[in-house]
Amino acid sequence: MAYASNNGYVFDNRPIFRGGIIAKIITADFDMDEKSETYQIITNNKGSSATIKLPAEKEGSMYWLKNNSSSAHAFVIQTDEGSPVIGGAGLAAGKAALVVCDGTNWHVVFQQA
């Protein structure tokens, strides 16, 4: 989607994402949905790598994902249909990524090396 003008929003104060942040411990794979928080800080206590499925593609959707685990277990980030979004070994412990959707595909905008 292209913007029709140069007009944007001006914030006089920093935005506050009430209800948009969650820090949680998981013990199994899990699926996100359109109501999932934008900022996901996840600790993996599964005992192995965990699979996180993003919600169905919707234009403008975005999620910050942080692997807050102290173990070496990565997160495999997938579409709701099971296709990999973050390739290779996934999102390693201690790392973060930003994924956004253009309405058709999820894209990795940032991934901590």
C-alpha atoms as a PDB file:
ATOM      1  CA  MET A   1       0.000   0.000   0.000  1.00  0.00           C
ATOM      2  CA  ALA A   2       1.355   3.414  -0.921  1.00  0.00           C
ATOM      3  CA  TYR A   3       0.570   6.513   1.079  1.00  0.00           C
ATOM      4  CA  ALA A   4      -1.479   9.194  -0.674  1.00  0.00           C
ATOM      5  CA  SER A   5       0.165  12.161   1.024  1.00  0.00           C
ATOM      6  CA  ASN A   6       3.118  13.194   3.107  1.00  0.00           C
ATOM      7  CA  ASN A   7       0.866  13.807   6.101  1.00  0.00           C
ATOM      8  CA  GLY A   8       1.746  11.599   9.019  1.00  0.00           C
ATOM      9  CA  TYR A   9       1.024  11.442  12.698  1.00  0.00           C
ATOM     10  CA  VAL A  10       2.925  13.643  15.097  1.00  0.00           C
ATOM     11  CA  PHE A  11       3.334  12.288  18.597  1.00  0.00           C
ATOM     12  CA  ASP A  12       3.938  14.863  21.282  1.00  0.00           C
ATOM     13  CA  ASN A  13       4.537  12.053  23.767  1.00  0.00           C
ATOM     14  CA  ARG A  14       5.908   8.550  23.386  1.00  0.00           C
ATOM     15  CA  PRO A  15       3.299   5.918  22.502  1.00  0.00           C
ATOM     16  CA  ILE A  16       2.237   3.496  25.221  1.00  0.00           C
ATOM     17  CA  PHE A  17       1.206   0.006  24.136  1.00  0.00           C
ATOM     18  CA  ARG A  18      -1.281  -0.904  26.856  1.00  0.00           C
ATOM     19  CA  GLY A  19      -1.933  -4.607  26.591  1.00  0.00           C
ATOM     20  CA  GLY A  20       0.511  -4.900  23.697  1.00  0.00           C
ATOM     21  CA  ILE A  21       3.359  -6.532  25.609  1.00  0.00           C
ATOM     22  CA  ILE A  22       3.568  -9.997  27.114  1.00  0.00           C
ATOM     23  CA  ALA A  23       6.378 -11.845  28.864  1.00  0.00           C
ATOM     24  CA  LYS A  24       5.627 -15.536  29.165  1.00  0.00           C
ATOM     25  CA  ILE A  25       7.171 -18.931  29.764  1.00  0.00           C
ATOM     26  CA  ILE A  26       6.242 -21.701  27.340  1.00  0.00           C
ATOM     27  CA  THR A  27       6.539 -25.459  27.737  1.00  0.00           C
ATOM     28  CA  ALA A  28       5.143 -26.397  24.312  1.00  0.00           C
ATOM     29  CA  ASP A  29       4.842 -25.049  20.766  1.00  0.00           C
ATOM     30  CA  PHE A  30       2.197 -22.356  20.393  1.00  0.00           C
ATOM     31  CA  ASP A  31       0.159 -20.548  17.774  1.00  0.00           C
ATOM     32  CA  MET A  32      -0.342 -16.791  17.823  1.00  0.00           C
ATOM     33  CA  ASP A  33      -3.550 -15.173  16.570  1.00  0.00           C
ATOM     34  CA  GLU A  34      -4.646 -11.691  15.523  1.00  0.00           C
ATOM     35  CA  LYS A  35      -5.217 -10.788  19.190  1.00  0.00           C
ATOM     36  CA  SER A  36      -1.656 -11.687  20.216  1.00  0.00           C
ATOM     37  CA  GLU A  37       0.425  -8.923  21.722  1.00  0.00           C
ATOM     38  CA  THR A  38       2.768  -6.968  19.431  1.00  0.00           C
ATOM     39  CA  TYR A  39       5.744  -7.482  21.744  1.00  0.00           C
ATOM     40  CA  GLN A  40       6.384 -11.134  22.646  1.00  0.00           C
ATOM     41  CA  ILE A  41       9.103 -11.822  25.246  1.00  0.00           C
ATOM     42  CA  ILE A  42       9.229 -15.598  25.451  1.00  0.00           C
ATOM     43  CA  THR A  43      11.195 -17.945  27.693  1.00  0.00           C
ATOM     44  CA  ASN A  44      11.355 -21.509  26.379  1.00  0.00           C
ATOM     45  CA  ASN A  45      11.114 -24.167  29.095  1.00  0.00           C
ATOM     46  CA  LYS A  46      10.082 -26.873  26.627  1.00  0.00           C
ATOM     47  CA  GLY A  47      13.437 -28.659  26.810  1.00  0.00           C
ATOM     48  CA  SER A  48      14.021 -28.390  23.054  1.00  0.00           C
ATOM     49  CA  SER A  49      13.419 -25.901  20.252  1.00  0.00           C
ATOM     50  CA  ALA A  50       9.881 -24.525  20.148  1.00  0.00           C
ATOM     51  CA  THR A  51       7.773 -23.718  17.093  1.00  0.00           C
ATOM     52  CA  ILE A  52       5.884 -20.436  17.113  1.00  0.00           C
ATOM     53  CA  LYS A  53       3.263 -19.987  14.396  1.00  0.00           C
ATOM     54  CA  LEU A  54       2.335 -16.448  13.400  1.00  0.00           C
ATOM     55  CA  PRO A  55      -1.305 -15.542  12.752  1.00  0.00           C
ATOM     56  CA  ALA A  56      -2.812 -15.615   9.270  1.00  0.00           C
ATOM     57  CA  GLU A  57      -1.392 -12.941   6.984  1.00  0.00           C
ATOM     58  CA  LYS A  58      -2.962  -9.509   7.407  1.00  0.00           C
ATOM     59  CA  GLU A  59      -1.558  -6.336   5.872  1.00  0.00           C
ATOM     60  CA  GLY A  60       0.236  -4.186   8.407  1.00  0.00           C
ATOM     61  CA  SER A  61       0.542  -6.842  11.101  1.00  0.00           C
ATOM     62  CA  MET A  62       3.844  -6.770  12.961  1.00  0.00           C
ATOM     63  CA  TYR A  63       5.397  -8.603  15.868  1.00  0.00           C
ATOM     64  CA  TRP A  64       8.582  -8.176  17.854  1.00  0.00           C
ATOM     65  CA  LEU A  65       9.726 -11.589  19.074  1.00  0.00           C
ATOM     66  CA  LYS A  66      12.393 -11.969  21.770  1.00  0.00           C
ATOM     67  CA  ASN A  67      13.814 -15.354  22.710  1.00  0.00           C
ATOM     68  CA  ASN A  68      14.447 -14.724  26.402  1.00  0.00           C
ATOM     69  CA  SER A  69      15.658 -18.263  27.088  1.00  0.00           C
ATOM     70  CA  SER A  70      18.919 -18.905  28.873  1.00  0.00           C
ATOM     71  CA  SER A  71      19.206 -22.326  27.206  1.00  0.00           C
ATOM     72  CA  ALA A  72      20.491 -22.914  23.688  1.00  0.00           C
ATOM     73  CA  HIS A  73      16.998 -23.720  22.382  1.00  0.00           C
ATOM     74  CA  ALA A  74      15.923 -21.644  19.398  1.00  0.00           C
ATOM     75  CA  PHE A  75      12.428 -20.721  18.249  1.00  0.00           C
ATOM     76  CA  VAL A  76      11.324 -21.860  14.833  1.00  0.00           C
ATOM     77  CA  ILE A  77       9.094 -19.049  13.533  1.00  0.00           C
ATOM     78  CA  GLN A  78       6.505 -20.195  10.954  1.00  0.00           C
ATOM     79  CA  THR A  79       3.469 -18.931   9.072  1.00  0.00           C
ATOM     80  CA  ASP A  80       0.098 -20.269  10.163  1.00  0.00           C
ATOM     81  CA  GLU A  81       0.471 -22.810   7.338  1.00  0.00           C
ATOM     82  CA  GLY A  82       3.859 -24.045   8.602  1.00  0.00           C
ATOM     83  CA  SER A  83       6.254 -22.312   6.186  1.00  0.00           C
ATOM     84  CA  PRO A  84       9.446 -20.952   7.812  1.00  0.00           C
ATOM     85  CA  VAL A  85       9.638 -17.179   8.293  1.00  0.00           C
ATOM     86  CA  ILE A  86      13.047 -17.092   9.957  1.00  0.00           C
ATOM     87  CA  GLY A  87      15.321 -19.537   8.207  1.00  0.00           C
ATOM     88  CA  GLY A  88      18.310 -21.512   9.367  1.00  0.00           C
ATOM     89  CA  ALA A  89      18.315 -22.537  13.010  1.00  0.00           C
ATOM     90  CA  GLY A  90      15.542 -20.074  13.878  1.00  0.00           C
ATOM     91  CA  LEU A  91      15.660 -17.334  16.492  1.00  0.00           C
ATOM     92  CA  ALA A  92      18.499 -18.196  18.886  1.00  0.00           C
ATOM     93  CA  ALA A  93      18.342 -17.737  22.647  1.00  0.00           C
ATOM     94  CA  GLY A  94      18.883 -14.120  23.668  1.00  0.00           C
ATOM     95  CA  LYS A  95      18.039 -12.790  20.190  1.00  0.00           C
ATOM     96  CA  ALA A  96      15.123 -10.729  18.845  1.00  0.00           C
ATOM     97  CA  ALA A  97      13.417 -10.187  15.498  1.00  0.00           C
ATOM     98  CA  LEU A  98      10.788  -7.947  13.933  1.00  0.00           C
ATOM     99  CA  VAL A  99       8.420  -9.567  11.435  1.00  0.00           C
ATOM    100  CA  VAL A 100       5.862  -7.653   9.358  1.00  0.00           C
ATOM    101  CA  CYS A 101       3.181  -8.673   6.903  1.00  0.00           C
ATOM    102  CA  ASP A 102       2.366  -7.105   3.527  1.00  0.00           C
ATOM    103  CA  GLY A 103      -0.976  -8.905   3.348  1.00  0.00           C
ATOM    104  CA  THR A 104       0.421 -11.895   1.467  1.00  0.00           C
ATOM    105  CA  ASN A 105       3.740 -12.756   3.115  1.00  0.00           C
ATOM    106  CA  TRP A 106       5.570 -12.333   6.399  1.00  0.00           C
ATOM    107  CA  HIS A 107       8.924 -10.561   6.105  1.00  0.00           C
ATOM    108  CA  VAL A 108      11.826 -10.324   8.526  1.00  0.00           C
ATOM    109  CA  VAL A 109      12.667  -6.620   8.817  1.00  0.00           C
ATOM    110  CA  PHE A 110      15.182  -7.074  11.615  1.00  0.00           C
ATOM    111  CA  GLN A 111      16.893 -10.096  13.111  1.00  0.00           C
ATOM    112  CA  GLN A 112      19.557  -9.779  15.776  1.00  0.00           C
ATOM    113  CA  ALA A 113      22.729 -11.542  14.686  1.00  0.00           C
END
